[in-house]
N, C-alpha and C. Protein backbone atom coordinates (compact mmCIF):
# COMPACT_ATOMS: atom_id res chain seq x y z
N MET A 1 -22.68 -17.41 -2.12
CA MET A 1 -21.83 -16.83 -1.09
C MET A 1 -22.39 -15.47 -0.70
N ASN A 2 -22.44 -15.20 0.57
CA ASN A 2 -22.94 -13.94 1.10
C ASN A 2 -21.83 -12.88 0.99
N THR A 3 -21.96 -12.01 0.00
CA THR A 3 -20.91 -11.01 -0.24
C THR A 3 -20.83 -9.98 0.88
N GLU A 4 -21.95 -9.68 1.51
CA GLU A 4 -21.92 -8.74 2.63
C GLU A 4 -21.15 -9.32 3.80
N LYS A 5 -21.37 -10.59 4.10
CA LYS A 5 -20.65 -11.25 5.18
C LYS A 5 -19.16 -11.32 4.85
N ARG A 6 -18.84 -11.62 3.61
CA ARG A 6 -17.44 -11.69 3.19
C ARG A 6 -16.77 -10.33 3.38
N ALA A 7 -17.43 -9.25 2.97
CA ALA A 7 -16.88 -7.91 3.13
C ALA A 7 -16.71 -7.55 4.61
N GLU A 8 -17.67 -7.94 5.42
CA GLU A 8 -17.58 -7.69 6.86
C GLU A 8 -16.39 -8.43 7.46
N LEU A 9 -16.24 -9.70 7.10
CA LEU A 9 -15.10 -10.48 7.59
C LEU A 9 -13.77 -9.87 7.13
N LEU A 10 -13.73 -9.44 5.89
CA LEU A 10 -12.51 -8.85 5.36
C LEU A 10 -12.11 -7.61 6.15
N GLY A 11 -13.08 -6.77 6.46
CA GLY A 11 -12.81 -5.59 7.28
C GLY A 11 -12.26 -5.97 8.65
N GLN A 12 -12.81 -7.01 9.25
CA GLN A 12 -12.33 -7.47 10.54
C GLN A 12 -10.92 -8.06 10.43
N VAL A 13 -10.64 -8.74 9.35
CA VAL A 13 -9.32 -9.32 9.13
C VAL A 13 -8.29 -8.19 9.00
N VAL A 14 -8.61 -7.15 8.25
CA VAL A 14 -7.70 -6.02 8.09
C VAL A 14 -7.40 -5.40 9.46
N GLU A 15 -8.41 -5.18 10.27
CA GLU A 15 -8.21 -4.62 11.61
C GLU A 15 -7.34 -5.55 12.46
N TYR A 16 -7.59 -6.83 12.38
CA TYR A 16 -6.81 -7.81 13.14
C TYR A 16 -5.34 -7.76 12.73
N VAL A 17 -5.09 -7.76 11.44
CA VAL A 17 -3.72 -7.76 10.95
C VAL A 17 -3.01 -6.46 11.34
N GLN A 18 -3.72 -5.34 11.34
CA GLN A 18 -3.13 -4.08 11.77
C GLN A 18 -2.70 -4.16 13.24
N ARG A 19 -3.47 -4.83 14.06
CA ARG A 19 -3.15 -4.96 15.49
C ARG A 19 -2.08 -6.00 15.77
N HIS A 20 -2.14 -7.14 15.06
CA HIS A 20 -1.29 -8.28 15.40
C HIS A 20 -0.14 -8.55 14.43
N GLY A 21 -0.19 -7.96 13.26
CA GLY A 21 0.88 -8.17 12.29
C GLY A 21 0.66 -9.38 11.41
N LEU A 22 1.56 -9.52 10.45
CA LEU A 22 1.47 -10.59 9.47
C LEU A 22 2.34 -11.80 9.79
N ALA A 23 3.44 -11.57 10.47
CA ALA A 23 4.48 -12.59 10.61
C ALA A 23 3.95 -13.92 11.14
N ASP A 24 3.14 -13.88 12.15
CA ASP A 24 2.65 -15.12 12.76
C ASP A 24 1.16 -15.31 12.53
N LEU A 25 0.66 -14.78 11.43
CA LEU A 25 -0.77 -14.86 11.16
C LEU A 25 -1.21 -16.31 11.03
N SER A 26 -2.09 -16.70 11.91
CA SER A 26 -2.66 -18.04 11.90
C SER A 26 -4.17 -17.91 11.88
N LEU A 27 -4.81 -18.73 11.08
CA LEU A 27 -6.26 -18.59 10.90
C LEU A 27 -7.08 -18.88 12.16
N SER A 28 -6.66 -19.83 12.96
CA SER A 28 -7.46 -20.18 14.15
C SER A 28 -7.57 -19.03 15.14
N PRO A 29 -6.46 -18.42 15.59
CA PRO A 29 -6.60 -17.28 16.50
C PRO A 29 -7.31 -16.09 15.86
N LEU A 30 -7.06 -15.88 14.58
CA LEU A 30 -7.74 -14.81 13.85
C LEU A 30 -9.24 -15.04 13.89
N ALA A 31 -9.66 -16.23 13.51
CA ALA A 31 -11.09 -16.56 13.48
C ALA A 31 -11.72 -16.39 14.86
N GLU A 32 -11.03 -16.88 15.86
CA GLU A 32 -11.58 -16.78 17.23
C GLU A 32 -11.78 -15.33 17.64
N GLU A 33 -10.78 -14.49 17.36
CA GLU A 33 -10.88 -13.09 17.79
C GLU A 33 -11.97 -12.33 17.04
N ILE A 34 -12.20 -12.65 15.78
CA ILE A 34 -13.21 -11.90 15.03
C ILE A 34 -14.59 -12.57 15.08
N GLY A 35 -14.70 -13.65 15.85
CA GLY A 35 -16.00 -14.26 16.08
C GLY A 35 -16.51 -15.16 14.97
N THR A 36 -15.59 -15.87 14.33
CA THR A 36 -15.99 -16.82 13.29
C THR A 36 -15.14 -18.08 13.46
N THR A 37 -15.13 -18.91 12.45
CA THR A 37 -14.33 -20.13 12.52
C THR A 37 -13.33 -20.15 11.38
N LYS A 38 -12.31 -20.95 11.55
CA LYS A 38 -11.30 -21.13 10.50
C LYS A 38 -11.98 -21.67 9.23
N ARG A 39 -12.94 -22.55 9.43
CA ARG A 39 -13.67 -23.13 8.31
C ARG A 39 -14.41 -22.06 7.50
N MET A 40 -15.01 -21.10 8.20
CA MET A 40 -15.73 -20.03 7.49
C MET A 40 -14.75 -19.11 6.75
N LEU A 41 -13.60 -18.85 7.34
CA LEU A 41 -12.61 -18.03 6.64
C LEU A 41 -12.17 -18.72 5.35
N LEU A 42 -11.95 -20.02 5.44
CA LEU A 42 -11.55 -20.78 4.25
C LEU A 42 -12.69 -20.83 3.23
N TYR A 43 -13.91 -20.92 3.71
CA TYR A 43 -15.07 -20.92 2.80
C TYR A 43 -15.12 -19.60 2.01
N TYR A 44 -14.95 -18.48 2.72
CA TYR A 44 -15.06 -17.18 2.07
C TYR A 44 -13.83 -16.77 1.28
N PHE A 45 -12.64 -17.26 1.67
CA PHE A 45 -11.42 -16.77 1.04
C PHE A 45 -10.55 -17.85 0.40
N GLY A 46 -10.86 -19.12 0.63
CA GLY A 46 -10.16 -20.20 -0.05
C GLY A 46 -8.89 -20.67 0.61
N SER A 47 -8.03 -19.74 1.01
CA SER A 47 -6.76 -20.11 1.63
C SER A 47 -6.24 -18.93 2.44
N ARG A 48 -5.26 -19.21 3.27
CA ARG A 48 -4.61 -18.16 4.06
C ARG A 48 -3.98 -17.14 3.11
N GLY A 49 -3.32 -17.62 2.06
CA GLY A 49 -2.69 -16.73 1.10
C GLY A 49 -3.68 -15.82 0.40
N ASN A 50 -4.81 -16.36 -0.01
CA ASN A 50 -5.83 -15.55 -0.67
C ASN A 50 -6.44 -14.55 0.31
N LEU A 51 -6.64 -14.97 1.54
CA LEU A 51 -7.17 -14.07 2.57
C LEU A 51 -6.20 -12.90 2.76
N LEU A 52 -4.92 -13.20 2.85
CA LEU A 52 -3.91 -12.18 3.02
C LEU A 52 -3.89 -11.23 1.81
N ALA A 53 -3.95 -11.79 0.62
CA ALA A 53 -3.95 -10.96 -0.59
C ALA A 53 -5.15 -10.03 -0.62
N ARG A 54 -6.31 -10.55 -0.25
CA ARG A 54 -7.52 -9.71 -0.25
C ARG A 54 -7.47 -8.64 0.83
N ALA A 55 -6.90 -8.99 1.98
CA ALA A 55 -6.77 -8.00 3.06
C ALA A 55 -5.83 -6.88 2.64
N LEU A 56 -4.75 -7.22 1.98
CA LEU A 56 -3.82 -6.19 1.50
C LEU A 56 -4.46 -5.33 0.43
N ALA A 57 -5.17 -5.96 -0.48
CA ALA A 57 -5.84 -5.20 -1.55
C ALA A 57 -6.88 -4.26 -0.97
N ALA A 58 -7.59 -4.71 0.05
CA ALA A 58 -8.64 -3.89 0.66
C ALA A 58 -8.07 -2.74 1.47
N SER A 59 -6.83 -2.87 1.90
CA SER A 59 -6.28 -1.86 2.81
C SER A 59 -5.30 -0.89 2.16
N ARG A 60 -4.98 -1.08 0.89
CA ARG A 60 -4.00 -0.17 0.28
C ARG A 60 -4.71 0.98 -0.42
N PRO A 61 -3.97 2.08 -0.62
CA PRO A 61 -4.56 3.21 -1.34
C PRO A 61 -4.89 2.82 -2.78
N ASP A 62 -5.90 3.41 -3.32
CA ASP A 62 -6.28 3.17 -4.70
C ASP A 62 -5.50 4.14 -5.59
N ALA A 63 -4.30 3.73 -5.96
CA ALA A 63 -3.42 4.60 -6.76
C ALA A 63 -4.05 4.94 -8.10
N ARG A 64 -4.77 4.02 -8.67
CA ARG A 64 -5.42 4.29 -9.96
C ARG A 64 -6.36 5.48 -9.79
N ALA A 65 -7.20 5.46 -8.78
CA ALA A 65 -8.14 6.57 -8.57
C ALA A 65 -7.41 7.87 -8.23
N MET A 66 -6.32 7.76 -7.50
CA MET A 66 -5.59 8.97 -7.08
C MET A 66 -4.83 9.62 -8.23
N PHE A 67 -4.37 8.82 -9.21
CA PHE A 67 -3.48 9.34 -10.25
C PHE A 67 -4.07 9.32 -11.65
N ASP A 68 -5.26 8.75 -11.84
CA ASP A 68 -5.84 8.67 -13.18
C ASP A 68 -6.21 10.02 -13.79
N THR A 69 -6.44 11.01 -12.96
CA THR A 69 -6.85 12.32 -13.49
C THR A 69 -5.67 13.27 -13.70
N VAL A 70 -4.47 12.80 -13.46
CA VAL A 70 -3.28 13.66 -13.62
C VAL A 70 -3.11 14.02 -15.09
N GLU A 71 -3.07 15.32 -15.36
CA GLU A 71 -2.86 15.81 -16.72
C GLU A 71 -1.67 16.76 -16.81
N ASP A 72 -1.23 17.29 -15.66
CA ASP A 72 -0.09 18.21 -15.68
C ASP A 72 0.69 18.08 -14.38
N ALA A 73 1.78 18.83 -14.28
CA ALA A 73 2.66 18.74 -13.11
C ALA A 73 1.93 19.10 -11.82
N ALA A 74 1.05 20.09 -11.88
CA ALA A 74 0.31 20.49 -10.68
C ALA A 74 -0.59 19.34 -10.20
N ASP A 75 -1.23 18.65 -11.14
CA ASP A 75 -2.06 17.50 -10.77
C ASP A 75 -1.22 16.39 -10.13
N LEU A 76 -0.06 16.14 -10.72
CA LEU A 76 0.83 15.10 -10.17
C LEU A 76 1.27 15.47 -8.77
N ARG A 77 1.64 16.70 -8.58
CA ARG A 77 2.05 17.19 -7.26
C ARG A 77 0.91 17.01 -6.25
N ARG A 78 -0.30 17.42 -6.63
CA ARG A 78 -1.45 17.29 -5.73
C ARG A 78 -1.72 15.82 -5.38
N SER A 79 -1.69 14.97 -6.40
CA SER A 79 -1.95 13.55 -6.17
C SER A 79 -0.89 12.92 -5.28
N ALA A 80 0.37 13.25 -5.52
CA ALA A 80 1.45 12.70 -4.70
C ALA A 80 1.35 13.19 -3.27
N ARG A 81 1.02 14.45 -3.08
CA ARG A 81 0.84 14.98 -1.72
C ARG A 81 -0.37 14.33 -1.04
N ALA A 82 -1.41 14.07 -1.80
CA ALA A 82 -2.59 13.38 -1.24
C ALA A 82 -2.22 11.96 -0.81
N LEU A 83 -1.40 11.29 -1.60
CA LEU A 83 -0.93 9.95 -1.23
C LEU A 83 -0.12 10.02 0.06
N TRP A 84 0.80 10.97 0.15
CA TRP A 84 1.62 11.13 1.36
C TRP A 84 0.72 11.37 2.58
N LYS A 85 -0.25 12.24 2.42
CA LYS A 85 -1.16 12.53 3.54
C LYS A 85 -1.94 11.28 3.93
N ALA A 86 -2.40 10.54 2.93
CA ALA A 86 -3.20 9.34 3.21
C ALA A 86 -2.41 8.31 4.00
N ILE A 87 -1.11 8.14 3.67
CA ILE A 87 -0.34 7.08 4.34
C ILE A 87 0.27 7.53 5.67
N THR A 88 0.19 8.83 5.97
CA THR A 88 0.78 9.29 7.23
C THR A 88 -0.26 9.74 8.25
N VAL A 89 -1.29 10.42 7.82
CA VAL A 89 -2.29 10.90 8.78
C VAL A 89 -3.72 10.60 8.34
N GLY A 90 -3.88 10.08 7.15
CA GLY A 90 -5.21 9.84 6.61
C GLY A 90 -5.67 8.41 6.80
N GLU A 91 -6.55 8.00 5.91
CA GLU A 91 -7.20 6.69 6.02
C GLU A 91 -6.24 5.52 5.84
N GLN A 92 -5.06 5.77 5.29
CA GLN A 92 -4.09 4.69 5.07
C GLN A 92 -3.02 4.62 6.16
N ALA A 93 -3.08 5.49 7.15
CA ALA A 93 -2.04 5.53 8.19
C ALA A 93 -1.94 4.21 8.95
N GLY A 94 -3.05 3.53 9.17
CA GLY A 94 -3.01 2.22 9.82
C GLY A 94 -2.61 1.11 8.86
N PRO A 95 -3.28 1.02 7.73
CA PRO A 95 -2.96 -0.05 6.78
C PRO A 95 -1.53 -0.02 6.23
N ILE A 96 -0.88 1.14 6.21
CA ILE A 96 0.49 1.18 5.67
C ILE A 96 1.40 0.27 6.49
N ARG A 97 1.08 0.08 7.74
CA ARG A 97 1.89 -0.81 8.59
C ARG A 97 1.86 -2.24 8.05
N ILE A 98 0.72 -2.64 7.50
CA ILE A 98 0.61 -3.98 6.92
C ILE A 98 1.56 -4.10 5.72
N LEU A 99 1.56 -3.08 4.88
CA LEU A 99 2.43 -3.09 3.71
C LEU A 99 3.90 -3.16 4.12
N LEU A 100 4.28 -2.36 5.09
CA LEU A 100 5.67 -2.36 5.54
C LEU A 100 6.07 -3.74 6.08
N GLN A 101 5.16 -4.38 6.80
CA GLN A 101 5.43 -5.73 7.30
C GLN A 101 5.57 -6.71 6.15
N LEU A 102 4.68 -6.62 5.18
CA LEU A 102 4.73 -7.52 4.03
C LEU A 102 6.07 -7.41 3.31
N LEU A 103 6.50 -6.19 3.06
CA LEU A 103 7.76 -6.01 2.34
C LEU A 103 8.94 -6.55 3.14
N SER A 104 8.91 -6.38 4.43
CA SER A 104 9.97 -6.92 5.27
C SER A 104 9.95 -8.44 5.24
N LEU A 105 8.78 -9.02 5.33
CA LEU A 105 8.66 -10.49 5.28
C LEU A 105 9.09 -11.03 3.92
N ALA A 106 8.78 -10.30 2.86
CA ALA A 106 9.15 -10.76 1.52
C ALA A 106 10.67 -10.78 1.36
N ALA A 107 11.35 -9.88 2.03
CA ALA A 107 12.81 -9.85 1.94
C ALA A 107 13.44 -11.04 2.65
N THR A 108 12.79 -11.53 3.71
CA THR A 108 13.35 -12.65 4.47
C THR A 108 12.72 -13.99 4.12
N ASP A 109 11.51 -13.97 3.56
CA ASP A 109 10.83 -15.20 3.19
C ASP A 109 10.17 -15.02 1.81
N PRO A 110 10.99 -14.92 0.76
CA PRO A 110 10.45 -14.63 -0.57
C PRO A 110 9.53 -15.72 -1.11
N ASP A 111 9.72 -16.96 -0.70
CA ASP A 111 8.84 -18.03 -1.19
C ASP A 111 7.41 -17.82 -0.70
N GLU A 112 7.27 -17.39 0.53
CA GLU A 112 5.93 -17.20 1.12
C GLU A 112 5.31 -15.86 0.72
N TYR A 113 6.10 -14.80 0.72
CA TYR A 113 5.54 -13.45 0.59
C TYR A 113 5.99 -12.68 -0.65
N GLY A 114 6.96 -13.19 -1.39
CA GLY A 114 7.55 -12.45 -2.50
C GLY A 114 6.58 -12.04 -3.58
N GLU A 115 5.81 -12.98 -4.08
CA GLU A 115 4.89 -12.67 -5.17
C GLU A 115 3.84 -11.64 -4.75
N LEU A 116 3.30 -11.81 -3.57
CA LEU A 116 2.30 -10.87 -3.07
C LEU A 116 2.91 -9.48 -2.88
N ALA A 117 4.13 -9.43 -2.39
CA ALA A 117 4.80 -8.14 -2.21
C ALA A 117 5.05 -7.46 -3.55
N ARG A 118 5.55 -8.23 -4.53
CA ARG A 118 5.81 -7.65 -5.86
C ARG A 118 4.52 -7.11 -6.47
N GLU A 119 3.46 -7.86 -6.36
CA GLU A 119 2.16 -7.43 -6.89
C GLU A 119 1.68 -6.16 -6.20
N THR A 120 1.87 -6.10 -4.90
CA THR A 120 1.43 -4.94 -4.12
C THR A 120 2.22 -3.69 -4.51
N VAL A 121 3.51 -3.84 -4.77
CA VAL A 121 4.33 -2.71 -5.20
C VAL A 121 3.90 -2.27 -6.60
N GLU A 122 3.69 -3.21 -7.50
CA GLU A 122 3.32 -2.87 -8.87
C GLU A 122 1.98 -2.17 -8.95
N VAL A 123 1.06 -2.53 -8.09
CA VAL A 123 -0.26 -1.89 -8.08
C VAL A 123 -0.14 -0.40 -7.79
N MET A 124 0.91 -0.02 -7.09
CA MET A 124 1.15 1.40 -6.84
C MET A 124 1.97 2.04 -7.98
N ILE A 125 3.00 1.37 -8.42
CA ILE A 125 3.90 1.95 -9.42
C ILE A 125 3.21 2.14 -10.77
N GLY A 126 2.43 1.16 -11.20
CA GLY A 126 1.79 1.22 -12.52
C GLY A 126 0.99 2.49 -12.77
N PRO A 127 0.00 2.80 -11.92
CA PRO A 127 -0.80 4.00 -12.16
C PRO A 127 -0.01 5.30 -12.06
N ILE A 128 0.98 5.32 -11.18
CA ILE A 128 1.79 6.54 -11.05
C ILE A 128 2.68 6.70 -12.27
N ALA A 129 3.25 5.60 -12.76
CA ALA A 129 4.06 5.66 -13.98
C ALA A 129 3.20 6.14 -15.16
N ASP A 130 1.97 5.67 -15.24
CA ASP A 130 1.08 6.13 -16.30
C ASP A 130 0.87 7.65 -16.22
N ALA A 131 0.67 8.14 -14.99
CA ALA A 131 0.47 9.58 -14.79
C ALA A 131 1.71 10.36 -15.19
N VAL A 132 2.88 9.90 -14.78
CA VAL A 132 4.13 10.57 -15.12
C VAL A 132 4.33 10.52 -16.64
N GLY A 133 3.98 9.42 -17.25
CA GLY A 133 4.08 9.30 -18.70
C GLY A 133 3.22 10.30 -19.44
N ARG A 134 2.05 10.59 -18.90
CA ARG A 134 1.17 11.57 -19.53
C ARG A 134 1.78 12.98 -19.52
N LEU A 135 2.80 13.18 -18.70
CA LEU A 135 3.48 14.48 -18.67
C LEU A 135 4.58 14.55 -19.72
N GLY A 136 4.73 13.48 -20.51
CA GLY A 136 5.67 13.50 -21.61
C GLY A 136 6.96 12.73 -21.37
N HIS A 137 7.06 12.05 -20.26
CA HIS A 137 8.27 11.26 -19.99
C HIS A 137 8.19 9.92 -20.71
N PRO A 138 9.31 9.44 -21.23
CA PRO A 138 9.33 8.10 -21.83
C PRO A 138 8.95 7.06 -20.77
N LYS A 139 8.43 5.94 -21.23
CA LYS A 139 7.93 4.91 -20.32
C LYS A 139 8.96 4.50 -19.26
N LYS A 140 10.21 4.29 -19.68
CA LYS A 140 11.25 3.86 -18.74
C LYS A 140 11.47 4.93 -17.67
N VAL A 141 11.55 6.17 -18.06
CA VAL A 141 11.75 7.27 -17.11
C VAL A 141 10.53 7.41 -16.20
N ALA A 142 9.34 7.26 -16.77
CA ALA A 142 8.11 7.35 -15.97
C ALA A 142 8.09 6.27 -14.89
N ARG A 143 8.50 5.05 -15.23
CA ARG A 143 8.54 3.96 -14.23
C ARG A 143 9.61 4.24 -13.18
N GLU A 144 10.74 4.79 -13.61
CA GLU A 144 11.79 5.13 -12.64
C GLU A 144 11.29 6.19 -11.66
N ARG A 145 10.63 7.22 -12.17
CA ARG A 145 10.12 8.28 -11.30
C ARG A 145 9.02 7.75 -10.39
N ALA A 146 8.17 6.90 -10.91
CA ALA A 146 7.11 6.31 -10.08
C ALA A 146 7.72 5.44 -8.98
N THR A 147 8.75 4.70 -9.33
CA THR A 147 9.44 3.87 -8.34
C THR A 147 10.07 4.74 -7.26
N LEU A 148 10.70 5.82 -7.68
CA LEU A 148 11.29 6.75 -6.72
C LEU A 148 10.23 7.29 -5.78
N LEU A 149 9.09 7.68 -6.33
CA LEU A 149 8.02 8.24 -5.50
C LEU A 149 7.47 7.19 -4.53
N VAL A 150 7.11 6.03 -5.05
CA VAL A 150 6.50 5.00 -4.20
C VAL A 150 7.48 4.53 -3.12
N SER A 151 8.68 4.17 -3.53
CA SER A 151 9.66 3.66 -2.57
C SER A 151 10.12 4.75 -1.61
N GLY A 152 10.30 5.95 -2.12
CA GLY A 152 10.72 7.06 -1.26
C GLY A 152 9.68 7.41 -0.23
N LEU A 153 8.43 7.55 -0.64
CA LEU A 153 7.37 7.88 0.32
C LEU A 153 7.18 6.76 1.34
N ARG A 154 7.29 5.52 0.87
CA ARG A 154 7.16 4.39 1.79
C ARG A 154 8.28 4.41 2.83
N GLY A 155 9.50 4.67 2.40
CA GLY A 155 10.62 4.76 3.33
C GLY A 155 10.47 5.91 4.31
N LEU A 156 10.03 7.05 3.80
CA LEU A 156 9.80 8.19 4.69
C LEU A 156 8.67 7.92 5.67
N CYS A 157 7.67 7.20 5.22
CA CYS A 157 6.57 6.83 6.12
C CYS A 157 7.09 5.93 7.25
N GLN A 158 7.92 4.97 6.89
CA GLN A 158 8.51 4.09 7.89
C GLN A 158 9.37 4.91 8.87
N ASP A 159 10.15 5.83 8.35
CA ASP A 159 10.96 6.72 9.18
C ASP A 159 10.05 7.46 10.17
N ARG A 160 8.96 7.98 9.67
CA ARG A 160 8.03 8.75 10.52
C ARG A 160 7.41 7.87 11.60
N LEU A 161 7.07 6.63 11.24
CA LEU A 161 6.50 5.72 12.23
C LEU A 161 7.51 5.42 13.34
N VAL A 162 8.78 5.32 12.97
CA VAL A 162 9.83 4.99 13.94
C VAL A 162 10.23 6.20 14.78
N THR A 163 10.39 7.36 14.12
CA THR A 163 10.93 8.53 14.82
C THR A 163 9.86 9.51 15.29
N ASP A 164 8.68 9.44 14.72
CA ASP A 164 7.59 10.38 15.02
C ASP A 164 7.96 11.83 14.68
N ASP A 165 8.85 11.99 13.71
CA ASP A 165 9.30 13.32 13.31
C ASP A 165 8.52 13.75 12.07
N ALA A 166 7.36 14.33 12.30
CA ALA A 166 6.48 14.71 11.20
C ALA A 166 7.07 15.85 10.37
N ALA A 167 7.65 16.84 11.02
CA ALA A 167 8.16 18.01 10.28
C ALA A 167 9.26 17.60 9.31
N ARG A 168 10.22 16.82 9.77
CA ARG A 168 11.33 16.42 8.91
C ARG A 168 10.87 15.52 7.78
N THR A 169 10.01 14.55 8.09
CA THR A 169 9.57 13.62 7.04
C THR A 169 8.63 14.31 6.05
N ASP A 170 7.80 15.24 6.52
CA ASP A 170 6.97 16.01 5.59
C ASP A 170 7.85 16.80 4.63
N ALA A 171 8.86 17.49 5.16
CA ALA A 171 9.75 18.29 4.32
C ALA A 171 10.46 17.39 3.30
N ALA A 172 10.94 16.25 3.74
CA ALA A 172 11.62 15.32 2.83
C ALA A 172 10.65 14.79 1.77
N ALA A 173 9.43 14.48 2.17
CA ALA A 173 8.44 13.97 1.22
C ALA A 173 8.13 15.02 0.16
N PHE A 174 7.97 16.27 0.57
CA PHE A 174 7.65 17.31 -0.40
C PHE A 174 8.83 17.55 -1.34
N HIS A 175 10.05 17.45 -0.83
CA HIS A 175 11.24 17.56 -1.68
C HIS A 175 11.28 16.41 -2.69
N LEU A 176 11.00 15.22 -2.21
CA LEU A 176 10.96 14.05 -3.10
C LEU A 176 9.91 14.23 -4.19
N ILE A 177 8.73 14.66 -3.81
CA ILE A 177 7.65 14.87 -4.77
C ILE A 177 8.09 15.88 -5.84
N GLU A 178 8.73 16.96 -5.43
CA GLU A 178 9.19 17.97 -6.39
C GLU A 178 10.21 17.36 -7.36
N SER A 179 11.07 16.46 -6.87
CA SER A 179 12.06 15.86 -7.77
C SER A 179 11.40 14.94 -8.79
N VAL A 180 10.30 14.33 -8.42
CA VAL A 180 9.58 13.46 -9.34
C VAL A 180 8.79 14.28 -10.36
N VAL A 181 8.27 15.42 -9.92
CA VAL A 181 7.44 16.27 -10.77
C VAL A 181 8.26 17.12 -11.74
N GLU A 182 9.53 17.35 -11.44
CA GLU A 182 10.32 18.27 -12.27
C GLU A 182 10.20 17.92 -13.75
N PRO A 183 10.31 18.92 -14.62
CA PRO A 183 10.13 18.69 -16.05
C PRO A 183 11.15 17.72 -16.65
N ARG A 184 10.79 17.24 -17.82
CA ARG A 184 11.71 16.36 -18.57
C ARG A 184 13.00 17.07 -18.86
N ARG A 185 14.05 16.27 -18.92
CA ARG A 185 15.36 16.82 -19.29
C ARG A 185 15.70 16.43 -20.69
């Protein structure tokens, strides 16, 4: 298998999904628009579900890389702010729309999208919970704080996409980050 061609196709698929959404994703129109065939997409990715999973994986922030170096509250604050910046004005500002669509679809069609959505959420929560845990929080509390951060930032990002109110959502995001970073009780 030509891994360079597969990577090229994956990049095109991510761009396509950002423009057209996930809800009605069909391989034939996708293949036609990116200049390949449905057969080649299946050859490189196996199934529509696997293609979708790979596109989501390729387009989400690397939480492990962003939070693995966290050793103190200042590091956690910096990493969380970097995540917020990435999903609102940085390299993840486009791909976050895919995630928001996936989560919405999972709520209405859990058989089709539920497992992929749960996996996508966990990929973010796990590394952040590990970082929060390194600050001395018990595992349960660390997962709760990571969940608050991931879900809160995602909701604020959606708010920003809908309202275009950067000042208000930035202020809310920074407040949320501070509540997650606060010391153990």
